[in-house]
Protein backbone atom coordinates (compact mmCIF):
# COMPACT_ATOMS: atom_id res chain seq x y z
CA MET A 1 0.00 0.00 0.00
CA ALA A 2 1.47 3.30 -1.04
CA THR A 3 2.07 5.83 1.67
CA ALA A 4 1.43 9.49 0.98
CA THR A 5 4.12 11.85 2.20
CA LYS A 6 3.90 15.57 2.82
CA SER A 7 6.81 17.74 1.80
CA THR A 8 8.22 19.91 4.57
CA ALA A 9 10.59 21.86 2.27
CA PRO A 10 9.90 25.60 2.23
CA ALA A 11 8.43 27.11 -0.90
CA SER A 12 11.16 28.34 -3.20
CA ALA A 13 11.73 32.08 -3.11
CA ALA A 14 11.00 34.13 -6.17
CA THR A 15 14.03 34.44 -8.43
CA VAL A 16 15.47 37.98 -8.48
CA THR A 17 17.50 38.96 -11.52
CA PRO A 18 20.33 41.28 -10.53
CA ALA A 19 20.44 44.57 -12.34
CA ALA A 20 22.97 44.70 -15.12
CA PRO A 21 26.04 46.73 -14.17
CA ALA A 22 26.14 50.19 -15.66
CA ALA A 23 28.24 50.43 -18.77
CA PRO A 24 31.56 52.20 -18.15
CA ILE A 25 31.64 55.76 -19.34
CA THR A 26 34.38 56.68 -21.78
CA PRO A 27 35.68 60.19 -21.11
CA SER A 28 36.00 62.62 -24.01
CA ARG A 29 39.81 62.75 -23.62
CA ALA A 30 42.23 60.06 -22.44
CA TYR A 31 43.65 62.24 -19.63
CA LEU A 32 40.19 62.72 -18.11
CA THR A 33 38.21 60.52 -15.74
CA ALA A 34 34.41 60.45 -15.92
CA THR A 35 31.95 60.02 -13.05
CA VAL A 36 28.15 59.94 -13.06
CA ASP A 37 25.79 61.45 -10.51
CA GLU A 38 23.37 58.56 -9.93
CA ALA A 39 20.57 60.91 -8.93
CA THR A 40 20.73 63.24 -11.93
CA GLY A 41 22.68 61.23 -14.48
CA GLU A 42 25.01 64.18 -14.93
CA VAL A 43 28.50 63.23 -16.13
CA THR A 44 31.50 65.06 -14.68
CA GLU A 45 34.97 64.86 -16.25
CA THR A 46 38.09 65.54 -14.17
CA SER A 47 41.69 65.82 -15.35
CA ARG A 48 44.18 63.28 -14.02
CA PHE A 49 46.92 65.89 -14.46
CA ARG A 50 47.43 69.16 -12.57
CA TYR A 51 49.09 72.09 -14.32
CA LEU A 52 49.23 75.83 -13.64
CA PRO A 53 50.02 77.31 -17.09
CA GLY A 54 53.60 78.57 -17.27
CA HIS A 55 54.46 77.21 -13.84
CA PRO A 56 55.18 73.47 -13.92
CA ARG A 57 56.75 71.86 -10.86
CA GLN A 58 60.51 72.38 -11.14
CA ILE A 59 62.65 69.25 -11.11
CA ARG A 60 66.37 70.00 -11.02
CA ALA A 61 69.23 67.88 -12.25
CA ASP A 62 72.02 68.50 -9.72
CA LEU A 63 74.98 67.40 -11.81
CA LYS A 64 77.47 68.23 -9.10
CA ALA A 65 75.95 65.61 -6.81
CA GLY A 66 74.49 63.36 -9.51
CA VAL A 67 70.89 63.45 -8.21
CA PHE A 68 67.50 64.90 -9.08
CA ASN A 69 65.53 67.05 -6.69
CA VAL A 70 62.34 69.09 -6.45
CA GLY A 71 63.03 72.82 -6.47
CA GLY A 72 66.55 72.30 -5.14
CA GLU A 73 65.27 70.72 -1.92
CA GLN A 74 63.56 67.31 -1.86
CA VAL A 75 65.91 64.69 -3.34
CA LEU A 76 64.16 62.28 -5.71
CA GLY A 77 67.04 59.92 -6.37
CA LYS A 78 69.86 59.14 -8.77
CA THR A 79 67.62 58.37 -11.73
CA LEU A 80 64.47 59.90 -13.16
CA SER A 81 62.02 58.04 -15.41
CA PHE A 82 58.97 59.48 -17.14
CA ILE A 83 56.96 59.67 -20.37
CA PRO A 84 57.65 63.12 -21.87
CA VAL A 85 54.48 65.12 -22.45
CA ALA A 86 56.31 67.86 -24.36
CA LEU A 87 59.85 69.04 -24.93
CA ARG A 88 62.07 71.45 -26.76
CA ILE A 89 65.79 71.50 -27.53
CA PHE A 90 66.96 75.06 -28.12
CA ARG A 91 69.83 77.53 -27.92
CA ASP A 92 69.30 80.57 -25.71
CA ASN A 93 70.67 82.65 -22.85
CA ILE A 94 68.42 81.70 -19.95
CA LEU A 95 68.78 81.82 -16.15
CA ASN A 96 71.77 84.20 -16.54
CA MET A 97 73.95 81.34 -17.78
CA GLY A 98 74.93 82.65 -21.21
CA GLN A 99 74.27 81.11 -24.60
CA LYS A 100 73.89 77.33 -24.30
CA VAL A 101 72.02 74.51 -25.95
CA TRP A 102 69.29 73.33 -23.59
CA ALA A 103 66.77 70.51 -23.40
CA GLU A 104 63.57 71.31 -21.52
CA LEU A 105 61.26 68.35 -20.92
CA PHE A 106 57.76 68.33 -19.45
CA PHE A 107 56.26 65.25 -17.81
CA VAL A 108 53.69 64.10 -15.26
CA ASP A 109 54.97 62.79 -11.92
CA ALA A 110 53.44 60.07 -9.74
CA THR A 111 51.11 62.59 -8.06
CA GLY A 112 49.70 63.83 -11.38
CA ALA A 113 51.61 67.14 -11.30
CA VAL A 114 53.05 68.45 -14.55
CA CYS A 115 56.80 68.95 -14.07
CA ALA A 116 59.69 70.38 -16.08
CA VAL A 117 63.38 69.49 -16.03
CA LEU A 118 66.31 71.19 -17.82
CA PHE A 119 69.57 69.78 -19.19
CA HIS A 120 72.47 71.43 -21.00
CA GLY A 121 75.91 70.62 -22.34
CA TYR A 122 76.93 67.03 -23.04
CA SER A 123 73.67 65.79 -21.52
CA VAL A 124 71.78 67.49 -24.35
CA GLU A 125 74.09 65.91 -26.91
CA ASN A 126 73.22 62.50 -25.47
CA LEU A 127 69.50 63.27 -25.69
CA GLN A 128 69.84 64.44 -29.31
CA LYS A 129 71.61 61.20 -30.21
CA LEU A 130 68.76 59.21 -28.68
CA ASN A 131 66.22 61.36 -30.51
CA ALA A 132 67.93 60.58 -33.83
CA SER A 133 67.98 56.86 -33.02
CA LEU A 134 64.27 56.91 -32.17
CA PHE A 135 63.51 58.69 -35.44
CA TYR A 136 64.79 55.71 -37.42
CA ASP A 137 62.66 53.40 -35.29
CA ASP A 138 59.60 55.52 -36.19
CA LEU A 139 59.32 56.75 -32.59
CA LYS A 140 59.49 60.09 -30.82
CA LEU A 141 60.69 60.96 -27.33
CA THR A 142 57.04 61.45 -26.38
CA ASP A 143 56.34 57.78 -27.24
CA VAL A 144 58.65 56.17 -24.66
CA VAL A 145 59.47 55.93 -20.97
CA LEU A 146 62.68 57.93 -20.79
CA THR A 147 65.19 57.14 -18.04
CA CYS A 148 67.74 59.81 -17.14
CA THR A 149 70.85 58.57 -15.33
CA PRO A 150 73.74 60.85 -14.29
CA GLN A 151 77.10 59.19 -14.94
CA LYS A 152 80.18 60.29 -13.01
CA LYS A 153 83.04 61.88 -14.94
CA GLN A 154 86.39 63.15 -13.74
CA THR A 155 88.50 66.00 -14.99
CA GLU A 156 91.24 68.26 -13.68
CA LYS A 157 90.71 71.83 -12.55
CA ASP A 158 93.52 74.06 -11.30
CA GLY A 159 95.74 71.01 -11.10
CA LYS A 160 93.29 69.10 -8.91
CA PRO A 161 90.90 66.28 -9.81
CA ALA A 162 87.28 67.36 -10.14
CA THR A 163 84.13 65.25 -10.41
CA TYR A 164 81.01 66.06 -12.38
CA TYR A 165 78.10 64.19 -13.95
CA ILE A 166 76.69 63.87 -17.47
CA VAL A 167 73.19 62.52 -17.96
CA GLU A 168 72.80 59.46 -20.16
CA PHE A 169 69.41 58.45 -21.51
CA SER A 170 67.76 55.10 -22.16
CA TYR A 171 64.19 54.14 -22.95
CA THR A 172 61.58 51.41 -22.91
CA PRO A 173 58.29 51.33 -24.86
CA ALA A 174 55.53 53.26 -23.10
CA ASP A 175 51.95 52.12 -22.54
CA PRO A 176 50.10 53.41 -25.64
CA ALA A 177 47.12 54.47 -23.50
CA GLU A 178 49.37 56.64 -21.32
CA VAL A 179 51.08 58.10 -24.37
CA GLN A 180 47.67 58.99 -25.81
CA ALA A 181 46.63 60.67 -22.55
CA ARG A 182 49.73 62.84 -22.53
CA GLN A 183 49.56 63.74 -26.21
CA GLU A 184 45.92 64.78 -25.89
CA PHE A 185 46.83 66.87 -22.84
CA ALA A 186 49.61 68.55 -24.83
CA ALA A 187 47.13 69.25 -27.63
CA ASP A 188 44.74 70.96 -25.20
CA PHE A 189 47.15 73.01 -23.06
CA ASP A 190 49.99 75.47 -23.68
CA LEU A 191 53.01 73.78 -22.11
CA TYR A 192 55.88 76.08 -21.20
CA ARG A 193 57.81 77.56 -18.27
CA GLU A 194 57.78 81.33 -17.87
CA GLU A 195 61.26 81.58 -16.31
CA THR A 196 62.92 80.10 -19.39
CA LEU A 197 61.28 82.34 -22.00
CA THR A 198 63.24 85.14 -23.63
CA GLY A 199 61.56 85.41 -27.04
CA ALA A 200 64.96 84.80 -28.68
CA ALA A 201 65.31 81.00 -28.55
CA GLU A 202 66.77 79.17 -31.54
CA MET A 203 64.54 76.11 -31.65
CA ARG A 204 66.05 72.78 -32.72
CA VAL A 205 63.60 70.08 -31.65
CA VAL A 206 59.97 70.68 -30.62
CA GLN A 207 57.48 68.01 -29.55
CA GLY A 208 54.23 69.07 -27.88
CA TYR A 209 55.70 72.36 -26.61
CA ARG A 210 53.48 75.37 -27.25
CA LEU A 211 53.12 78.95 -26.02
CA PRO A 212 49.89 80.95 -25.80
CA VAL A 213 49.34 82.83 -29.06
CA GLY A 214 50.86 86.30 -28.82
CA TYR A 215 52.85 85.50 -25.66
CA HIS A 216 55.71 88.00 -25.26
CA GLU A 217 56.97 88.71 -28.79
CA ALA A 218 54.33 88.31 -31.47
CA GLN A 219 56.81 86.55 -33.79
CA TYR A 220 57.82 83.91 -31.23
CA PRO A 221 54.81 81.59 -31.72
CA ALA A 222 55.36 81.76 -35.49
CA ARG A 223 58.93 80.54 -35.04
CA LEU A 224 57.65 77.75 -32.80
CA GLU A 225 55.17 76.58 -35.40
CA ALA A 226 57.93 76.39 -38.00
CA ALA A 227 60.38 74.51 -35.77
CA PRO A 228 58.98 70.94 -36.03
CA ALA A 229 59.62 70.89 -39.78
CA VAL A 230 63.38 70.82 -39.18
CA GLU A 231 63.26 68.52 -36.19
CA SER A 232 64.67 65.37 -37.81
CA ALA A 233 67.61 67.21 -39.32
CA SER A 234 68.57 69.17 -36.21
CA VAL A 235 70.48 66.63 -34.19
CA ALA A 236 73.85 68.34 -33.79
CA ALA A 237 74.69 70.40 -30.70
């Protein structure tokens, strides 16, 4: 004889389908981040990089000690690595140091601050050699992670040995997404440092560097616009 049994299992709960996650929002520029106000749906874009036009954070190459520092104070270390956002190699009399060939490079540090660092002398020659090498690899200095390493040299001054440093440069391929972010930033902002402007610079290499139209001498921006055309040929100090 069959025995009827009564189930004591609880009734199954209604199935709830989780809401699909919101699609990620793509910002209008690669250096921006986008957030959405859930209440209003309003999208806000914020720059990952901080820059006061004409006043980048000053990074100094102390080639007497062979280190890099911030504004002559906070030591950063014996090497400096970054993806250049913009740069120029030029001849000018700046900082009361007479006519020299300089390299001025702009980059973003780990905190998101736009910085600038200057080199001159043999260090610039080394950078120009690397720039020429990159040209034949179909790359620019703004496409790579550039590592700057002071190398100790010795000479004799007044009959006594003297030590100084020359910066040597090496590179590795940069993340294309980070390169894009920096190049779009350079396209949107005038990147320069007020203290190094004289209006009389002889430009040799220009990548991403740009002054506000009409800044100082009216002819200076015109010379800047013409400079990139001779970039690949201007590799000598």
